[in-house]
Amino acid sequence: MNEETFNLSIRKFLKQVGVSSQREIEQAVDRAIEEGAIDGTESFPATMTLTIGGLDLTVEFEGEIRLE
């Protein structure tokens, strides 16, 4: 195994997930505010599931998204 290649691919994947996830969350919040479904002061529980096929790995991470 090439450690450098391994670490770079993990970092690239996590960056993609982070940037894409943030964009999706921001768009969902903007839509909900525009539709009047939320007022922009809420907090939301959030769960992220990481699954890696071939490694039999499924891990959930829990947190909170706060708007104010």
N, C-alpha and C. Protein backbone atom coordinates (compact mmCIF):
# COMPACT_ATOMS: atom_id res chain seq x y z
N MET A 1 0.86 -1.19 0.00
CA MET A 1 0.00 0.00 0.00
C MET A 1 0.89 1.24 0.00
N ASN A 2 0.51 2.20 -0.80
CA ASN A 2 1.22 3.46 -0.86
C ASN A 2 0.51 4.45 0.08
N GLU A 3 1.13 4.73 1.21
CA GLU A 3 0.52 5.60 2.24
C GLU A 3 0.19 6.99 1.71
N GLU A 4 1.07 7.55 0.89
CA GLU A 4 0.83 8.90 0.37
C GLU A 4 -0.40 8.92 -0.53
N THR A 5 -0.49 7.96 -1.44
CA THR A 5 -1.65 7.87 -2.33
C THR A 5 -2.93 7.65 -1.52
N PHE A 6 -2.85 6.77 -0.55
CA PHE A 6 -3.98 6.47 0.32
C PHE A 6 -4.46 7.72 1.04
N ASN A 7 -3.54 8.43 1.70
CA ASN A 7 -3.91 9.63 2.45
C ASN A 7 -4.44 10.73 1.54
N LEU A 8 -3.84 10.91 0.37
CA LEU A 8 -4.33 11.93 -0.56
C LEU A 8 -5.73 11.61 -1.06
N SER A 9 -5.99 10.34 -1.33
CA SER A 9 -7.33 9.98 -1.82
C SER A 9 -8.38 10.16 -0.74
N ILE A 10 -8.02 9.86 0.51
CA ILE A 10 -8.96 10.10 1.62
C ILE A 10 -9.25 11.59 1.74
N ARG A 11 -8.21 12.41 1.72
CA ARG A 11 -8.40 13.86 1.85
C ARG A 11 -9.24 14.42 0.70
N LYS A 12 -8.99 13.94 -0.52
CA LYS A 12 -9.76 14.39 -1.67
C LYS A 12 -11.24 14.03 -1.52
N PHE A 13 -11.50 12.80 -1.09
CA PHE A 13 -12.87 12.35 -0.88
C PHE A 13 -13.55 13.19 0.20
N LEU A 14 -12.89 13.39 1.33
CA LEU A 14 -13.48 14.16 2.43
C LEU A 14 -13.73 15.62 2.04
N LYS A 15 -12.84 16.19 1.25
CA LYS A 15 -13.05 17.56 0.78
C LYS A 15 -14.28 17.63 -0.11
N GLN A 16 -14.41 16.68 -1.01
CA GLN A 16 -15.58 16.63 -1.90
C GLN A 16 -16.86 16.49 -1.09
N VAL A 17 -16.85 15.59 -0.12
CA VAL A 17 -18.02 15.39 0.73
C VAL A 17 -18.34 16.66 1.51
N GLY A 18 -17.34 17.28 2.07
CA GLY A 18 -17.55 18.49 2.87
C GLY A 18 -18.13 19.63 2.06
N VAL A 19 -17.54 19.91 0.91
CA VAL A 19 -17.99 21.01 0.07
C VAL A 19 -19.39 20.73 -0.47
N SER A 20 -19.60 19.53 -0.98
CA SER A 20 -20.91 19.18 -1.54
C SER A 20 -21.99 19.17 -0.48
N SER A 21 -21.69 18.64 0.69
CA SER A 21 -22.67 18.60 1.78
C SER A 21 -23.05 19.99 2.22
N GLN A 22 -22.06 20.87 2.36
CA GLN A 22 -22.36 22.24 2.77
C GLN A 22 -23.28 22.91 1.76
N ARG A 23 -22.99 22.74 0.48
CA ARG A 23 -23.82 23.35 -0.57
C ARG A 23 -25.25 22.83 -0.50
N GLU A 24 -25.42 21.53 -0.33
CA GLU A 24 -26.75 20.93 -0.25
C GLU A 24 -27.53 21.45 0.96
N ILE A 25 -26.86 21.55 2.09
CA ILE A 25 -27.51 22.05 3.31
C ILE A 25 -27.93 23.50 3.13
N GLU A 26 -27.03 24.32 2.60
CA GLU A 26 -27.35 25.73 2.38
C GLU A 26 -28.53 25.90 1.44
N GLN A 27 -28.58 25.13 0.37
CA GLN A 27 -29.68 25.21 -0.58
C GLN A 27 -31.00 24.77 0.06
N ALA A 28 -30.95 23.72 0.88
CA ALA A 28 -32.16 23.24 1.55
C ALA A 28 -32.68 24.28 2.54
N VAL A 29 -31.77 24.92 3.27
CA VAL A 29 -32.18 25.97 4.22
C VAL A 29 -32.77 27.15 3.47
N ASP A 30 -32.11 27.58 2.40
CA ASP A 30 -32.63 28.71 1.61
C ASP A 30 -34.03 28.41 1.08
N ARG A 31 -34.23 27.20 0.55
CA ARG A 31 -35.55 26.81 0.03
C ARG A 31 -36.60 26.83 1.14
N ALA A 32 -36.25 26.25 2.28
CA ALA A 32 -37.21 26.18 3.39
C ALA A 32 -37.58 27.57 3.89
N ILE A 33 -36.63 28.48 3.94
CA ILE A 33 -36.92 29.85 4.36
C ILE A 33 -37.82 30.53 3.33
N GLU A 34 -37.48 30.38 2.03
CA GLU A 34 -38.29 30.98 0.98
C GLU A 34 -39.72 30.46 0.98
N GLU A 35 -39.90 29.18 1.29
CA GLU A 35 -41.23 28.57 1.31
C GLU A 35 -41.97 28.84 2.62
N GLY A 36 -41.30 29.47 3.56
CA GLY A 36 -41.93 29.76 4.84
C GLY A 36 -42.02 28.56 5.78
N ALA A 37 -41.32 27.51 5.45
CA ALA A 37 -41.36 26.31 6.29
C ALA A 37 -40.55 26.47 7.58
N ILE A 38 -39.55 27.34 7.54
CA ILE A 38 -38.76 27.66 8.73
C ILE A 38 -38.53 29.16 8.74
N ASP A 39 -38.17 29.68 9.92
CA ASP A 39 -37.94 31.12 10.00
C ASP A 39 -36.46 31.50 10.08
N GLY A 40 -35.57 30.51 10.13
CA GLY A 40 -34.14 30.81 10.12
C GLY A 40 -33.50 30.88 11.48
N THR A 41 -34.23 30.46 12.52
CA THR A 41 -33.66 30.47 13.87
C THR A 41 -33.57 29.07 14.46
N GLU A 42 -33.94 28.07 13.67
CA GLU A 42 -34.02 26.70 14.16
C GLU A 42 -32.64 26.04 14.28
N SER A 43 -32.68 24.89 14.93
CA SER A 43 -31.56 23.96 14.96
C SER A 43 -32.09 22.62 14.49
N PHE A 44 -31.25 21.89 13.77
CA PHE A 44 -31.68 20.61 13.22
C PHE A 44 -30.68 19.52 13.56
N PRO A 45 -31.17 18.38 14.03
CA PRO A 45 -30.26 17.25 14.21
C PRO A 45 -29.82 16.77 12.83
N ALA A 46 -28.56 16.35 12.73
CA ALA A 46 -28.04 15.89 11.45
C ALA A 46 -27.28 14.58 11.65
N THR A 47 -27.41 13.72 10.66
CA THR A 47 -26.69 12.45 10.69
C THR A 47 -26.01 12.26 9.34
N MET A 48 -24.75 11.89 9.37
CA MET A 48 -24.00 11.59 8.15
C MET A 48 -23.60 10.12 8.23
N THR A 49 -23.87 9.38 7.17
CA THR A 49 -23.51 7.97 7.13
C THR A 49 -22.38 7.77 6.13
N LEU A 50 -21.31 7.19 6.59
CA LEU A 50 -20.17 6.85 5.73
C LEU A 50 -20.21 5.35 5.47
N THR A 51 -20.27 4.98 4.20
CA THR A 51 -20.27 3.58 3.83
C THR A 51 -19.17 3.36 2.81
N ILE A 52 -18.33 2.37 3.06
CA ILE A 52 -17.28 2.03 2.11
C ILE A 52 -17.44 0.56 1.73
N GLY A 53 -17.90 0.37 0.50
CA GLY A 53 -18.06 -0.98 -0.01
C GLY A 53 -16.72 -1.67 -0.11
N GLY A 54 -16.70 -2.94 0.10
CA GLY A 54 -15.47 -3.69 0.03
C GLY A 54 -14.72 -3.74 1.35
N LEU A 55 -15.07 -2.85 2.26
CA LEU A 55 -14.44 -2.84 3.59
C LEU A 55 -15.43 -3.19 4.68
N ASP A 56 -16.69 -3.40 4.30
CA ASP A 56 -17.73 -3.69 5.27
C ASP A 56 -17.75 -2.63 6.36
N LEU A 57 -17.68 -1.35 5.93
CA LEU A 57 -17.65 -0.24 6.87
C LEU A 57 -18.88 0.64 6.68
N THR A 58 -19.62 0.81 7.75
CA THR A 58 -20.73 1.76 7.79
C THR A 58 -20.67 2.43 9.15
N VAL A 59 -20.49 3.74 9.15
CA VAL A 59 -20.36 4.51 10.39
C VAL A 59 -21.28 5.72 10.30
N GLU A 60 -21.98 6.01 11.38
CA GLU A 60 -22.83 7.20 11.43
C GLU A 60 -22.20 8.24 12.34
N PHE A 61 -22.29 9.48 11.90
CA PHE A 61 -21.82 10.62 12.68
C PHE A 61 -23.02 11.50 12.94
N GLU A 62 -23.19 11.95 14.16
CA GLU A 62 -24.34 12.78 14.52
C GLU A 62 -23.87 14.15 14.97
N GLY A 63 -24.69 15.14 14.66
CA GLY A 63 -24.37 16.50 15.06
C GLY A 63 -25.61 17.37 14.97
N GLU A 64 -25.38 18.66 14.94
CA GLU A 64 -26.49 19.61 14.91
C GLU A 64 -26.14 20.75 13.97
N ILE A 65 -27.11 21.17 13.18
CA ILE A 65 -26.98 22.33 12.31
C ILE A 65 -27.80 23.45 12.94
N ARG A 66 -27.13 24.52 13.33
CA ARG A 66 -27.81 25.65 13.97
C ARG A 66 -27.87 26.83 13.01
N LEU A 67 -29.02 27.44 12.91
CA LEU A 67 -29.18 28.60 12.03
C LEU A 67 -28.97 29.91 12.77
N GLU A 68 -29.02 29.86 14.07
CA GLU A 68 -28.81 31.09 14.85
C GLU A 68 -28.15 30.76 16.15
